Amino acid sequence: MSGLGGDVVGGVRELAASFVAPGPCGVAIRDRLKHLTPQDEKVLRAVGAHQGALASRDLKSRCADGLEHSADTWAARKRDLTKESSSRIAGAITKATHDQWALARRCQAAHIQNLAAGIKTLRHRLSLSIGQKGTKRAAGGYRSKNEWFRKSRRLAALEDRHTAAVADWQAGRVRVVRGGKRLLNTRHHLNEAQLTEAQWRERWEAERWFLAADGESGKRFGNETIRVTPDGEVSIKLPVPLAHLANAKHGRYILTGRIAFAHRGAEWADRIEANRAVAYRIHLDTERGRWYLTASWQRPVVKAVPLATARARGMIGVDTNADHFAAYHLDQHGNPIGEPHRFPYDLSGTADHRDAQIRHALTRLINWAVRVGVAAIGIEDLDFTPEKTREKHGRRKRFRQLISGMPTGKLKARLVSMAAEHGLSVVAVDPAYTSLWGAQHWQKPLTTPHRKMSRHDAAGIAIGRRALGHPIRRRTAPPPHDRSDRAGHRTVQAERGARGREGTRPPITDRPPEGPAPSGKRKRETSASNTVRDAPSTQQWVQDSLMCTG
């Protein structure tokens, strides 16, 4: 899908340079806490509820500080929490509070930008006459006076919201709900959510618990608050008010169940045996009634490979669509190799289902990239934030739902992390005009009776060529007939040392040449040539449709 926006130069907007996406900076693994006793669950619920109440109180204090927050107020809040828990738990709570407040500020800024974009579009369309047609780059006027009036009222409502949001931003006010705003609103729609009040209450309380601890390098097994030994024993340092529930020395509670990380277990074991920091989080899945433990740690920052190195062995160009990835393999000169590949997925259903579909499709894409031997995958640097506004695509509700349902941010993050595990780099390119130019230059030439090329397959070639640094256009103009060396070489892609760079390409024929007769004799005698041997050839210079020269 091609992107929009940007600086327009001569009718075509200026394209951003391609770049290699930085690799992942952290790792998270999860396993189930099995065979917990009723006492274990009682302790986990008590600790989670106690520390969750502390986290809620700390978040309230942080929001009250607003822009007046300083290191002194942070230290004061941490001292107050330490009295009712411990210094390590207080540090984890205050850090989580700051991360949540910062996320709310970023969401607030994005909300202001969306409101401003909607206001701009409404003002433009309201300034036009009724029924005035629009252009490719700007919408036209509204269809009727009734629609014009309703949009004028919506403009006034958006301006009021924008004014209030800007005032909150300037004052440092944010609105945060521990447990999630969506779950909070579900309380008023229990029948639609097919939940009872008790089920909703259990889910609400579980989401507001705080059972997490940051890792500490140099401490035993990398974490002093939630400690996991190499043999899988899990123990928790209880807060002061709950110290009477301890079943081990130094106010610790050891769970009956054991943990065993099947994925990255060896890497995790190496870290804790070297006493390197590992953060843990315990949470309850109320729908399944299961407890889980998540371990996470940071990786050293790995410098991205140079762009030339990523392009050395060709590229896989991937076009992202609403229901599939369209991918094509290109060599280092930009020539498409083999057949187009499509990796379907289904983005309907729950968030977990959509995430699983994306992971499955990416797994098959990466496995194919490893088999063909490329070093990088080219993908569009998509961001549909300015395209989701109701004002820009008012009647095109299905289109707005389409682009809103595409998880562009999560897709890029997951692709980068999964590709890094297989030694692949990800090259992000400007998405502008990839579908348009791909269909224009590649769809028809590559279509054969045995190969069906879609617009998305051609866009994959365009993305791959842009990631390789080549123009999307399939060929350049042939050299002059009088002097073939006057206009330079026939290709702008092949290096000086590439074999066949100056060679003449065979002409295109409507059918393959016929072979000899089964008897071994020619079907007809060779006719005498009527052409003078020294006369120049009248054959025109023809470019093979599958050989790329620009």
Protein backbone atom coordinates (compact mmCIF):
# COMPACT_ATOMS: atom_id res chain seq x y z
CA MET A 1 0.00 0.00 0.00
CA SER A 2 1.44 3.34 -0.99
CA GLY A 3 1.79 6.15 1.52
CA LEU A 4 0.62 9.72 1.19
CA GLY A 5 1.80 13.07 2.44
CA GLY A 6 5.22 14.70 2.47
CA ASP A 7 6.80 17.47 0.43
CA VAL A 8 5.59 17.55 -3.16
CA VAL A 9 8.18 18.43 -5.80
CA GLY A 10 7.03 18.65 -9.44
CA GLY A 11 3.83 16.69 -8.75
CA VAL A 12 5.63 13.81 -6.99
CA ARG A 13 6.49 14.08 -3.33
CA GLU A 14 10.10 13.78 -2.25
CA LEU A 15 10.93 10.23 -1.20
CA ALA A 16 12.60 9.49 2.11
CA ALA A 17 15.86 7.55 2.07
CA SER A 18 15.81 3.83 2.83
CA PHE A 19 17.42 2.68 6.08
CA VAL A 20 18.18 -0.51 7.98
CA ALA A 21 15.85 -0.84 10.96
CA PRO A 22 17.67 -1.16 14.30
CA GLY A 23 17.53 -4.57 15.92
CA PRO A 24 15.63 -5.49 19.09
CA CYS A 25 16.95 -4.20 22.39
CA GLY A 26 15.19 -6.62 24.75
CA VAL A 27 13.95 -10.17 25.19
CA ALA A 28 10.84 -11.47 26.94
CA ILE A 29 9.91 -15.11 27.56
CA ARG A 30 6.94 -16.59 29.39
CA ASP A 31 5.99 -19.85 31.04
CA ARG A 32 3.09 -21.10 33.11
CA LEU A 33 3.25 -21.47 36.87
CA LYS A 34 1.80 -24.94 37.37
CA HIS A 35 0.79 -26.98 40.41
CA LEU A 36 0.14 -23.99 42.67
CA THR A 37 -1.56 -24.74 45.97
CA PRO A 38 -4.51 -22.71 47.29
CA GLN A 39 -2.09 -21.10 49.75
CA ASP A 40 0.20 -20.08 46.90
CA GLU A 41 -2.68 -18.40 45.08
CA LYS A 42 -3.82 -16.72 48.28
CA VAL A 43 -0.37 -15.21 48.81
CA LEU A 44 -0.06 -14.08 45.18
CA ARG A 45 -3.46 -12.39 45.31
CA ALA A 46 -2.65 -10.67 48.60
CA VAL A 47 0.73 -9.39 47.38
CA GLY A 48 -0.71 -8.27 44.06
CA ALA A 49 -3.61 -6.40 45.68
CA HIS A 50 -1.37 -4.71 48.26
CA GLN A 51 1.24 -3.56 45.78
CA GLY A 52 -1.46 -2.63 43.26
CA ALA A 53 -3.00 -0.26 45.80
CA LEU A 54 0.43 1.32 46.32
CA ALA A 55 0.89 1.70 42.56
CA SER A 56 -2.52 3.37 42.20
CA ARG A 57 -1.71 5.82 44.97
CA ASP A 58 1.68 6.60 43.48
CA LEU A 59 0.19 7.19 40.04
CA LYS A 60 -2.32 9.59 41.54
CA SER A 61 0.52 11.53 43.18
CA ARG A 62 2.52 11.63 39.95
CA CYS A 63 -0.45 12.93 37.97
CA ALA A 64 -1.04 15.59 40.62
CA ASP A 65 2.57 16.78 40.28
CA GLY A 66 2.14 17.32 36.52
CA LEU A 67 4.95 19.40 35.05
CA GLU A 68 6.20 20.28 38.56
CA HIS A 69 7.71 16.83 38.93
CA SER A 70 11.37 16.75 40.02
CA ALA A 71 13.93 14.40 41.48
CA ASP A 72 12.97 15.55 44.98
CA THR A 73 9.29 14.69 44.57
CA TRP A 74 10.29 11.32 43.10
CA ALA A 75 12.50 10.58 46.11
CA ALA A 76 9.74 11.62 48.51
CA ARG A 77 7.24 9.29 46.85
CA LYS A 78 9.72 6.45 46.93
CA ARG A 79 10.39 6.96 50.66
CA ASP A 80 6.66 6.82 51.40
CA LEU A 81 6.29 3.56 49.47
CA THR A 82 9.34 1.98 51.10
CA LYS A 83 7.65 2.12 54.52
CA GLU A 84 4.84 -0.17 53.30
CA SER A 85 6.86 -2.46 51.05
CA SER A 86 10.62 -2.37 50.46
CA SER A 87 13.08 -0.12 48.67
CA ARG A 88 13.24 -2.45 45.64
CA ILE A 89 9.47 -2.73 45.31
CA ALA A 90 9.14 1.03 45.75
CA GLY A 91 11.68 1.58 42.98
CA ALA A 92 9.79 -0.76 40.64
CA ILE A 93 6.47 0.95 41.36
CA THR A 94 7.77 4.48 40.82
CA LYS A 95 9.51 3.47 37.59
CA ALA A 96 6.31 1.86 36.29
CA THR A 97 4.40 5.00 37.26
CA HIS A 98 6.75 7.24 35.28
CA ASP A 99 6.54 4.97 32.23
CA GLN A 100 2.74 5.04 32.38
CA TRP A 101 2.62 8.82 32.77
CA ALA A 102 5.03 9.29 29.84
CA LEU A 103 2.91 6.97 27.66
CA ALA A 104 -0.18 9.00 28.51
CA ARG A 105 1.61 12.18 27.45
CA ARG A 106 2.58 10.67 24.11
CA CYS A 107 -0.99 9.51 23.51
CA GLN A 108 -2.21 12.99 24.42
CA ALA A 109 0.11 14.56 21.85
CA ALA A 110 -1.08 12.11 19.18
CA HIS A 111 -4.70 12.94 20.04
CA ILE A 112 -4.01 16.64 19.59
CA GLN A 113 -2.43 15.98 16.18
CA ASN A 114 -5.43 13.92 15.06
CA LEU A 115 -7.83 16.66 16.13
CA ALA A 116 -5.76 19.26 14.29
CA ALA A 117 -5.77 17.15 11.11
CA GLY A 118 -9.54 16.75 11.28
CA ILE A 119 -10.07 20.47 11.85
CA LYS A 120 -7.86 21.31 8.89
CA THR A 121 -9.78 18.99 6.57
CA LEU A 122 -13.17 20.26 7.73
CA ARG A 123 -12.19 23.90 7.30
CA HIS A 124 -10.96 23.22 3.79
CA ARG A 125 -14.07 21.38 2.67
CA LEU A 126 -16.42 23.89 4.31
CA SER A 127 -14.67 26.71 2.45
CA LEU A 128 -15.60 25.17 -0.91
CA SER A 129 -18.94 25.54 -2.62
CA ILE A 130 -21.59 22.83 -2.39
CA GLY A 131 -20.89 19.98 -4.81
CA GLN A 132 -17.48 21.23 -5.90
CA LYS A 133 -15.32 18.34 -7.08
CA GLY A 134 -12.05 17.56 -5.40
CA THR A 135 -8.65 16.58 -6.72
CA LYS A 136 -6.34 13.64 -6.17
CA ARG A 137 -4.67 15.46 -3.30
CA ALA A 138 -7.59 17.28 -1.66
CA ALA A 139 -11.25 16.49 -1.07
CA GLY A 140 -13.98 18.58 -2.64
CA GLY A 141 -16.98 20.34 -1.18
CA TYR A 142 -19.86 18.63 0.57
CA ARG A 143 -22.74 17.22 -1.42
CA SER A 144 -25.64 19.06 0.16
CA LYS A 145 -26.51 21.93 2.47
CA ASN A 146 -27.63 19.46 5.13
CA GLU A 147 -24.24 17.74 5.11
CA TRP A 148 -22.46 21.11 5.10
CA PHE A 149 -24.44 22.15 8.21
CA ARG A 150 -23.73 18.90 10.08
CA LYS A 151 -20.02 19.15 9.29
CA SER A 152 -19.96 22.74 10.49
CA ARG A 153 -21.32 21.57 13.85
CA ARG A 154 -18.72 18.81 13.96
CA LEU A 155 -16.02 21.40 13.28
CA ALA A 156 -17.18 23.38 16.31
CA ALA A 157 -17.12 20.22 18.47
CA LEU A 158 -13.59 19.29 17.31
CA GLU A 159 -12.36 22.82 17.98
CA ASP A 160 -13.70 22.62 21.54
CA ARG A 161 -12.02 19.26 22.07
CA HIS A 162 -8.78 20.57 20.62
CA THR A 163 -8.83 23.61 22.89
CA ALA A 164 -9.42 21.44 25.97
CA ALA A 165 -6.70 18.95 24.96
CA VAL A 166 -4.15 21.72 24.36
CA ALA A 167 -5.01 23.24 27.74
CA ASP A 168 -4.44 19.86 29.43
CA TRP A 169 -1.15 19.46 27.57
CA GLN A 170 0.12 22.86 28.63
CA ALA A 171 -0.92 22.24 32.24
CA GLY A 172 0.59 18.75 32.31
CA ARG A 173 -2.73 17.01 33.06
CA VAL A 174 -3.14 13.44 31.85
CA ARG A 175 -5.96 10.95 32.33
CA VAL A 176 -4.84 7.43 33.12
CA VAL A 177 -6.88 4.40 34.18
CA ARG A 178 -5.03 1.56 35.87
CA GLY A 179 -6.61 -1.54 34.42
CA GLY A 180 -7.52 0.07 31.12
CA LYS A 181 -10.25 2.42 29.96
CA ARG A 182 -11.80 -0.23 27.74
CA LEU A 183 -12.22 -2.67 30.62
CA LEU A 184 -13.64 0.11 32.77
CA ASN A 185 -16.28 0.93 30.15
CA THR A 186 -17.12 -2.75 29.83
CA ARG A 187 -18.65 -2.52 33.30
CA HIS A 188 -21.60 -0.64 31.74
CA HIS A 189 -22.05 -3.19 28.90
CA LEU A 190 -21.82 -6.56 30.64
CA ASN A 191 -24.52 -8.15 28.48
CA GLU A 192 -22.75 -7.24 25.25
CA ALA A 193 -19.44 -8.50 26.66
CA GLN A 194 -21.15 -11.70 27.90
CA LEU A 195 -19.76 -11.21 31.40
CA THR A 196 -21.29 -11.34 34.82
CA GLU A 197 -20.50 -8.68 37.38
CA ALA A 198 -18.38 -11.17 39.36
CA GLN A 199 -16.38 -12.13 36.26
CA TRP A 200 -15.81 -8.50 35.38
CA ARG A 201 -14.76 -7.70 38.96
CA GLU A 202 -12.23 -10.54 38.98
CA ARG A 203 -10.73 -9.37 35.69
CA TRP A 204 -10.66 -5.74 36.85
CA GLU A 205 -8.86 -6.55 40.08
CA ALA A 206 -6.35 -8.82 38.31
CA GLU A 207 -5.48 -6.06 35.83
CA ARG A 208 -4.82 -3.61 38.67
CA TRP A 209 -2.50 -5.90 40.63
CA PHE A 210 1.22 -5.20 40.70
CA LEU A 211 3.40 -8.32 40.79
CA ALA A 212 6.59 -7.24 39.06
CA ALA A 213 10.20 -6.58 39.95
CA ASP A 214 13.07 -5.01 38.02
CA GLY A 215 16.31 -6.94 37.65
CA GLU A 216 19.50 -6.03 39.51
CA SER A 217 22.94 -6.94 38.22
CA GLY A 218 25.19 -8.38 40.89
CA LYS A 219 22.33 -9.67 43.03
CA ARG A 220 21.74 -13.37 43.45
CA PHE A 221 20.23 -14.78 40.23
CA GLY A 222 19.73 -11.24 38.90
CA ASN A 223 16.70 -10.31 41.00
CA GLU A 224 16.29 -9.94 44.74
CA THR A 225 12.52 -9.40 44.90
CA ILE A 226 11.27 -12.19 42.60
CA ARG A 227 13.98 -14.83 42.50
CA VAL A 228 14.03 -17.82 40.15
CA THR A 229 16.76 -20.40 40.64
CA PRO A 230 18.29 -22.45 37.80
CA ASP A 231 16.20 -25.47 38.81
CA GLY A 232 12.97 -23.43 38.49
CA GLU A 233 12.19 -22.57 42.11
CA VAL A 234 10.27 -19.27 42.40
CA SER A 235 10.34 -17.19 45.57
CA ILE A 236 8.97 -13.73 46.39
CA LYS A 237 10.17 -11.16 48.87
CA LEU A 238 7.00 -10.21 50.74
CA PRO A 239 6.23 -6.58 51.64
CA VAL A 240 6.42 -5.66 55.32
CA PRO A 241 2.65 -5.82 56.07
CA LEU A 242 2.49 -9.37 54.63
CA ALA A 243 5.68 -10.72 56.16
CA HIS A 244 3.65 -13.08 58.39
CA LEU A 245 2.77 -15.15 55.30
CA ALA A 246 6.41 -16.08 54.67
CA ASN A 247 7.39 -19.78 54.59
CA ALA A 248 11.15 -19.23 54.29
CA LYS A 249 13.87 -17.11 55.85
CA HIS A 250 14.20 -13.35 55.42
CA GLY A 251 10.49 -12.78 54.72
CA ARG A 252 10.36 -14.83 51.54
CA TYR A 253 7.61 -17.07 50.23
CA ILE A 254 8.55 -20.05 48.02
CA LEU A 255 5.94 -21.23 45.55
CA THR A 256 5.21 -24.92 45.21
CA GLY A 257 5.20 -24.89 41.42
CA ARG A 258 8.35 -24.89 39.33
CA ILE A 259 9.14 -22.92 36.20
CA ALA A 260 10.89 -24.18 33.07
CA PHE A 261 11.41 -21.86 30.11
CA ALA A 262 11.30 -23.95 26.96
CA HIS A 263 12.05 -20.97 24.71
CA ARG A 264 15.44 -19.30 25.30
CA GLY A 265 15.87 -21.34 28.44
CA ALA A 266 19.62 -21.70 27.93
CA GLU A 267 20.07 -17.96 27.43
CA TRP A 268 18.05 -17.22 30.55
CA ALA A 269 20.02 -19.76 32.59
CA ASP A 270 23.33 -18.22 31.50
CA ARG A 271 22.17 -14.81 32.70
CA ILE A 272 20.96 -15.83 36.15
CA GLU A 273 24.00 -18.03 36.83
CA ALA A 274 26.18 -14.99 36.09
CA ASN A 275 23.94 -12.85 38.37
CA ARG A 276 22.94 -10.58 35.49
CA ALA A 277 19.74 -8.53 35.71
CA VAL A 278 16.46 -10.25 34.81
CA ALA A 279 13.06 -8.62 35.39
CA TYR A 280 10.03 -10.74 36.26
CA ARG A 281 6.28 -10.24 36.14
CA ILE A 282 3.58 -12.57 37.48
CA HIS A 283 0.03 -12.24 36.18
CA LEU A 284 -3.24 -14.17 36.21
CA ASP A 285 -5.22 -15.08 33.11
CA THR A 286 -8.73 -14.91 34.55
CA GLU A 287 -10.40 -16.50 31.50
CA ARG A 288 -8.28 -19.64 31.77
CA GLY A 289 -7.60 -19.48 35.49
CA ARG A 290 -3.84 -19.83 34.93
CA TRP A 291 -0.86 -18.03 36.42
CA TYR A 292 2.08 -17.04 34.23
CA LEU A 293 5.57 -15.71 34.87
CA THR A 294 7.31 -13.50 32.30
CA ALA A 295 11.09 -12.98 32.34
CA SER A 296 12.67 -10.12 30.40
CA TRP A 297 16.10 -8.59 30.04
CA GLN A 298 17.92 -6.08 27.91
CA ARG A 299 20.30 -6.88 25.14
CA PRO A 300 23.41 -4.86 24.36
CA VAL A 301 22.76 -2.38 21.59
CA VAL A 302 23.83 -3.98 18.33
CA LYS A 303 24.81 -1.61 15.56
CA ALA A 304 22.74 -2.12 12.42
CA VAL A 305 24.59 -3.56 9.46
CA PRO A 306 25.51 -1.10 6.68
CA LEU A 307 22.93 -0.73 3.94
CA ALA A 308 25.41 -2.02 1.34
CA THR A 309 25.91 -5.23 3.34
CA ALA A 310 22.16 -5.79 3.60
CA ARG A 311 21.86 -5.43 -0.18
CA ALA A 312 24.78 -7.69 -1.05
CA ARG A 313 22.82 -10.94 -1.55
CA GLY A 314 19.61 -9.57 -2.98
CA MET A 315 16.37 -8.67 -1.27
CA ILE A 316 12.89 -9.93 -0.46
CA GLY A 317 10.39 -7.17 -1.22
CA VAL A 318 7.22 -7.40 0.90
CA ASP A 319 3.98 -5.54 0.26
CA THR A 320 1.73 -5.40 3.34
CA ASN A 321 -1.99 -5.80 2.69
CA ALA A 322 -5.15 -6.26 4.69
CA ASP A 323 -5.15 -10.05 4.42
CA HIS A 324 -1.73 -11.17 3.15
CA PHE A 325 1.92 -10.37 2.55
CA ALA A 326 2.89 -10.25 -1.13
CA ALA A 327 6.60 -11.04 -1.44
CA TYR A 328 9.02 -11.32 -4.34
CA HIS A 329 12.68 -12.39 -4.44
CA LEU A 330 15.08 -10.02 -6.27
CA ASP A 331 18.77 -10.42 -6.97
CA GLN A 332 21.29 -7.70 -6.16
CA HIS A 333 20.67 -6.02 -9.55
CA GLY A 334 16.93 -5.80 -8.95
CA ASN A 335 15.88 -8.65 -11.23
CA PRO A 336 12.85 -10.64 -9.98
CA ILE A 337 13.61 -14.31 -9.46
CA GLY A 338 11.11 -17.14 -9.50
CA GLU A 339 7.43 -16.79 -8.71
CA PRO A 340 5.55 -14.41 -6.39
CA HIS A 341 4.85 -15.66 -2.89
CA ARG A 342 1.84 -14.79 -0.76
CA PHE A 343 1.48 -15.37 2.96
CA PRO A 344 -2.15 -14.96 4.06
CA TYR A 345 -3.44 -14.02 7.52
CA ASP A 346 -6.78 -13.18 9.10
CA LEU A 347 -7.06 -9.96 11.13
CA SER A 348 -10.58 -10.61 12.40
CA GLY A 349 -11.39 -11.78 15.89
CA THR A 350 -9.62 -11.04 19.15
CA ALA A 351 -6.28 -9.29 19.57
CA ASP A 352 -4.60 -12.58 20.53
CA HIS A 353 -5.92 -14.23 17.37
CA ARG A 354 -4.70 -11.37 15.17
CA ASP A 355 -1.29 -11.43 16.82
CA ALA A 356 -1.01 -15.19 16.29
CA GLN A 357 -1.95 -14.81 12.62
CA ILE A 358 0.73 -12.14 12.10
CA ARG A 359 3.36 -14.25 13.83
CA HIS A 360 2.50 -17.30 11.73
CA ALA A 361 2.68 -15.35 8.46
CA LEU A 362 5.98 -13.70 9.45
CA THR A 363 7.44 -17.07 10.42
CA ARG A 364 6.72 -18.49 6.96
CA LEU A 365 8.06 -15.34 5.29
CA ILE A 366 11.31 -15.43 7.25
CA ASN A 367 11.81 -19.17 6.68
CA TRP A 368 11.44 -18.61 2.93
CA ALA A 369 13.91 -15.70 3.05
CA VAL A 370 16.45 -17.94 4.80
CA ARG A 371 15.99 -20.69 2.18
CA VAL A 372 16.61 -18.38 -0.78
CA GLY A 373 19.75 -16.98 0.89
CA VAL A 374 19.07 -13.24 1.10
CA ALA A 375 20.46 -11.06 3.86
CA ALA A 376 17.58 -8.59 4.22
CA ILE A 377 13.85 -8.08 3.82
CA GLY A 378 12.52 -4.84 2.35
CA ILE A 379 9.25 -3.52 3.75
CA GLU A 380 7.32 -0.26 3.62
CA ASP A 381 7.70 2.14 6.52
CA LEU A 382 3.93 2.37 6.96
CA ASP A 383 2.16 4.73 9.32
CA PHE A 384 -1.55 5.27 8.77
CA THR A 385 -2.03 7.72 11.64
CA PRO A 386 -2.94 10.74 9.45
CA GLU A 387 -4.99 8.52 7.13
CA LYS A 388 -7.43 7.23 9.75
CA THR A 389 -9.28 10.49 10.30
CA ARG A 390 -13.02 10.37 9.84
CA GLU A 391 -12.97 13.70 8.06
CA LYS A 392 -10.60 12.52 5.33
CA HIS A 393 -12.49 9.33 4.46
CA GLY A 394 -15.93 10.10 5.85
CA ARG A 395 -18.15 7.89 3.67
CA ARG A 396 -15.47 5.31 3.04
CA LYS A 397 -16.13 3.55 6.32
CA ARG A 398 -14.93 0.19 5.05
CA PHE A 399 -11.64 1.71 3.91
CA ARG A 400 -11.15 3.40 7.28
CA GLN A 401 -11.79 0.10 9.03
CA LEU A 402 -9.33 -1.56 6.66
CA ILE A 403 -6.38 0.71 7.41
CA SER A 404 -7.28 0.92 11.10
CA GLY A 405 -7.15 -2.85 11.39
CA MET A 406 -3.62 -3.15 10.02
CA PRO A 407 -1.20 -3.40 12.97
CA THR A 408 1.61 -1.40 11.36
CA GLY A 409 3.51 -0.56 14.55
CA LYS A 410 3.33 -4.05 16.05
CA LEU A 411 4.08 -5.60 12.65
CA LYS A 412 7.36 -3.70 12.22
CA ALA A 413 8.51 -4.42 15.78
CA ARG A 414 7.70 -8.11 15.51
CA LEU A 415 9.31 -8.49 12.09
CA VAL A 416 12.53 -6.85 13.26
CA SER A 417 12.78 -9.04 16.36
CA MET A 418 11.94 -12.28 14.53
CA ALA A 419 14.23 -11.53 11.60
CA ALA A 420 17.15 -10.74 13.93
CA GLU A 421 16.99 -14.28 15.33
CA HIS A 422 17.72 -15.65 11.84
CA GLY A 423 20.46 -13.16 11.00
CA LEU A 424 18.27 -11.10 8.66
CA SER A 425 18.13 -7.33 8.46
CA VAL A 426 15.01 -5.28 7.72
CA VAL A 427 15.27 -2.38 5.26
CA ALA A 428 12.47 0.18 5.60
CA VAL A 429 11.57 2.17 2.49
CA ASP A 430 9.29 5.07 1.70
CA PRO A 431 5.87 3.60 0.78
CA ALA A 432 4.98 6.34 -1.71
CA TYR A 433 3.80 5.18 -5.15
CA THR A 434 4.97 1.58 -4.72
CA SER A 435 1.62 0.08 -5.72
CA LEU A 436 1.09 2.57 -8.55
CA TRP A 437 4.55 2.33 -10.10
CA GLY A 438 4.85 -1.40 -9.47
CA ALA A 439 1.66 -2.07 -11.41
CA GLN A 440 2.73 0.34 -14.15
CA HIS A 441 6.17 -1.14 -14.78
CA TRP A 442 6.03 -4.76 -13.60
CA GLN A 443 2.55 -6.29 -13.53
CA LYS A 444 2.00 -6.70 -17.27
CA PRO A 445 5.57 -7.73 -18.32
CA LEU A 446 5.68 -10.54 -15.74
CA THR A 447 2.19 -11.87 -16.42
CA THR A 448 2.26 -15.15 -18.37
CA PRO A 449 -0.24 -17.95 -18.99
CA HIS A 450 1.35 -19.79 -16.07
CA ARG A 451 1.99 -16.80 -13.79
CA LYS A 452 -0.76 -14.54 -12.52
CA MET A 453 0.66 -11.24 -11.29
CA SER A 454 -1.49 -9.10 -9.03
CA ARG A 455 -1.00 -5.44 -8.23
CA HIS A 456 0.31 -6.45 -4.82
CA ASP A 457 2.93 -8.79 -6.30
CA ALA A 458 4.17 -5.98 -8.52
CA ALA A 459 4.29 -3.69 -5.49
CA GLY A 460 6.54 -6.23 -3.76
CA ILE A 461 9.00 -5.91 -6.65
CA ALA A 462 8.84 -2.11 -6.43
CA ILE A 463 9.54 -2.22 -2.69
CA GLY A 464 12.44 -4.62 -3.16
CA ARG A 465 14.02 -2.47 -5.88
CA ARG A 466 13.69 0.65 -3.77
CA ALA A 467 15.28 -1.19 -0.83
CA LEU A 468 18.17 -2.19 -3.14
CA GLY A 469 18.66 1.43 -4.17
CA HIS A 470 17.41 0.93 -7.75
CA PRO A 471 14.66 2.92 -9.45
CA ILE A 472 11.33 1.14 -9.73
CA ARG A 473 11.20 1.73 -13.47
CA ARG A 474 11.90 -1.45 -15.41
CA ARG A 475 14.20 -0.09 -18.15
CA THR A 476 15.99 2.99 -19.42
CA ALA A 477 15.91 4.37 -22.96
CA PRO A 478 18.06 2.44 -25.47
CA PRO A 479 21.32 4.03 -26.63
CA PRO A 480 21.40 6.05 -29.87
CA HIS A 481 21.64 4.02 -33.03
CA ASP A 482 24.59 5.96 -34.45
CA ARG A 483 26.95 5.50 -31.50
CA SER A 484 26.01 2.93 -28.87
CA ASP A 485 28.65 4.19 -26.44
CA ARG A 486 27.60 7.82 -26.50
CA ALA A 487 24.78 7.51 -23.97
CA GLY A 488 26.69 5.28 -21.61
CA HIS A 489 25.86 1.72 -20.67
CA ARG A 490 22.56 0.04 -21.20
CA THR A 491 22.07 -0.56 -17.50
CA VAL A 492 22.37 1.63 -14.45
CA GLN A 493 22.50 -1.36 -12.12
CA ALA A 494 25.20 -3.81 -13.15
CA GLU A 495 28.66 -3.07 -11.80
CA ARG A 496 31.69 -2.76 -14.03
CA GLY A 497 32.82 -6.28 -13.19
CA ALA A 498 29.46 -7.94 -13.88
CA ARG A 499 29.63 -10.51 -16.69
CA GLY A 500 27.45 -9.80 -19.70
CA ARG A 501 27.14 -6.16 -18.80
CA GLU A 502 27.83 -5.00 -22.34
CA GLY A 503 26.38 -8.03 -24.07
CA THR A 504 23.56 -7.97 -26.59
CA ARG A 505 20.36 -9.42 -25.25
CA PRO A 506 18.38 -11.87 -27.41
CA PRO A 507 15.28 -10.55 -29.14
CA ILE A 508 11.82 -11.46 -27.90
CA THR A 509 10.03 -14.03 -30.05
CA ASP A 510 6.36 -14.92 -30.07
CA ARG A 511 7.16 -18.65 -29.77
CA PRO A 512 10.24 -20.75 -29.02
CA PRO A 513 12.32 -21.86 -32.03
CA GLU A 514 11.31 -25.20 -33.43
CA GLY A 515 13.71 -28.06 -32.93
CA PRO A 516 14.83 -30.59 -35.51
CA ALA A 517 12.39 -33.12 -36.89
CA PRO A 518 12.17 -36.51 -35.13
CA SER A 519 14.00 -38.08 -38.08
CA GLY A 520 16.95 -35.77 -37.52
CA LYS A 521 16.48 -34.09 -40.90
CA ARG A 522 15.40 -30.56 -41.50
CA LYS A 523 11.75 -30.09 -42.42
CA ARG A 524 12.66 -27.95 -45.39
CA GLU A 525 15.74 -27.00 -47.32
CA THR A 526 17.61 -23.87 -46.42
CA SER A 527 16.59 -21.08 -48.73
CA ALA A 528 19.16 -18.86 -50.26
CA SER A 529 19.54 -15.52 -48.62
CA ASN A 530 18.52 -12.49 -50.60
CA THR A 531 20.32 -10.15 -48.23
CA VAL A 532 23.68 -8.71 -49.09
CA ARG A 533 26.16 -9.89 -46.45
CA ASP A 534 27.73 -6.47 -45.86
CA ALA A 535 24.38 -4.66 -45.51
CA PRO A 536 23.53 -3.42 -41.99
CA SER A 537 20.96 -5.38 -40.00
CA THR A 538 17.43 -3.99 -39.85
CA GLN A 539 16.64 -5.68 -36.52
CA GLN A 540 15.54 -3.22 -33.87
CA TRP A 541 17.09 -3.09 -30.37
CA VAL A 542 14.67 -5.01 -28.13
CA GLN A 543 14.86 -5.35 -24.34
CA ASP A 544 14.05 -8.70 -22.80
CA SER A 545 11.04 -8.13 -20.55
CA LEU A 546 12.57 -10.07 -17.68
CA MET A 547 16.01 -8.44 -17.74
CA CYS A 548 16.09 -5.24 -15.72
CA THR A 549 18.23 -2.35 -16.87
CA GLY A 550 17.15 0.58 -14.81
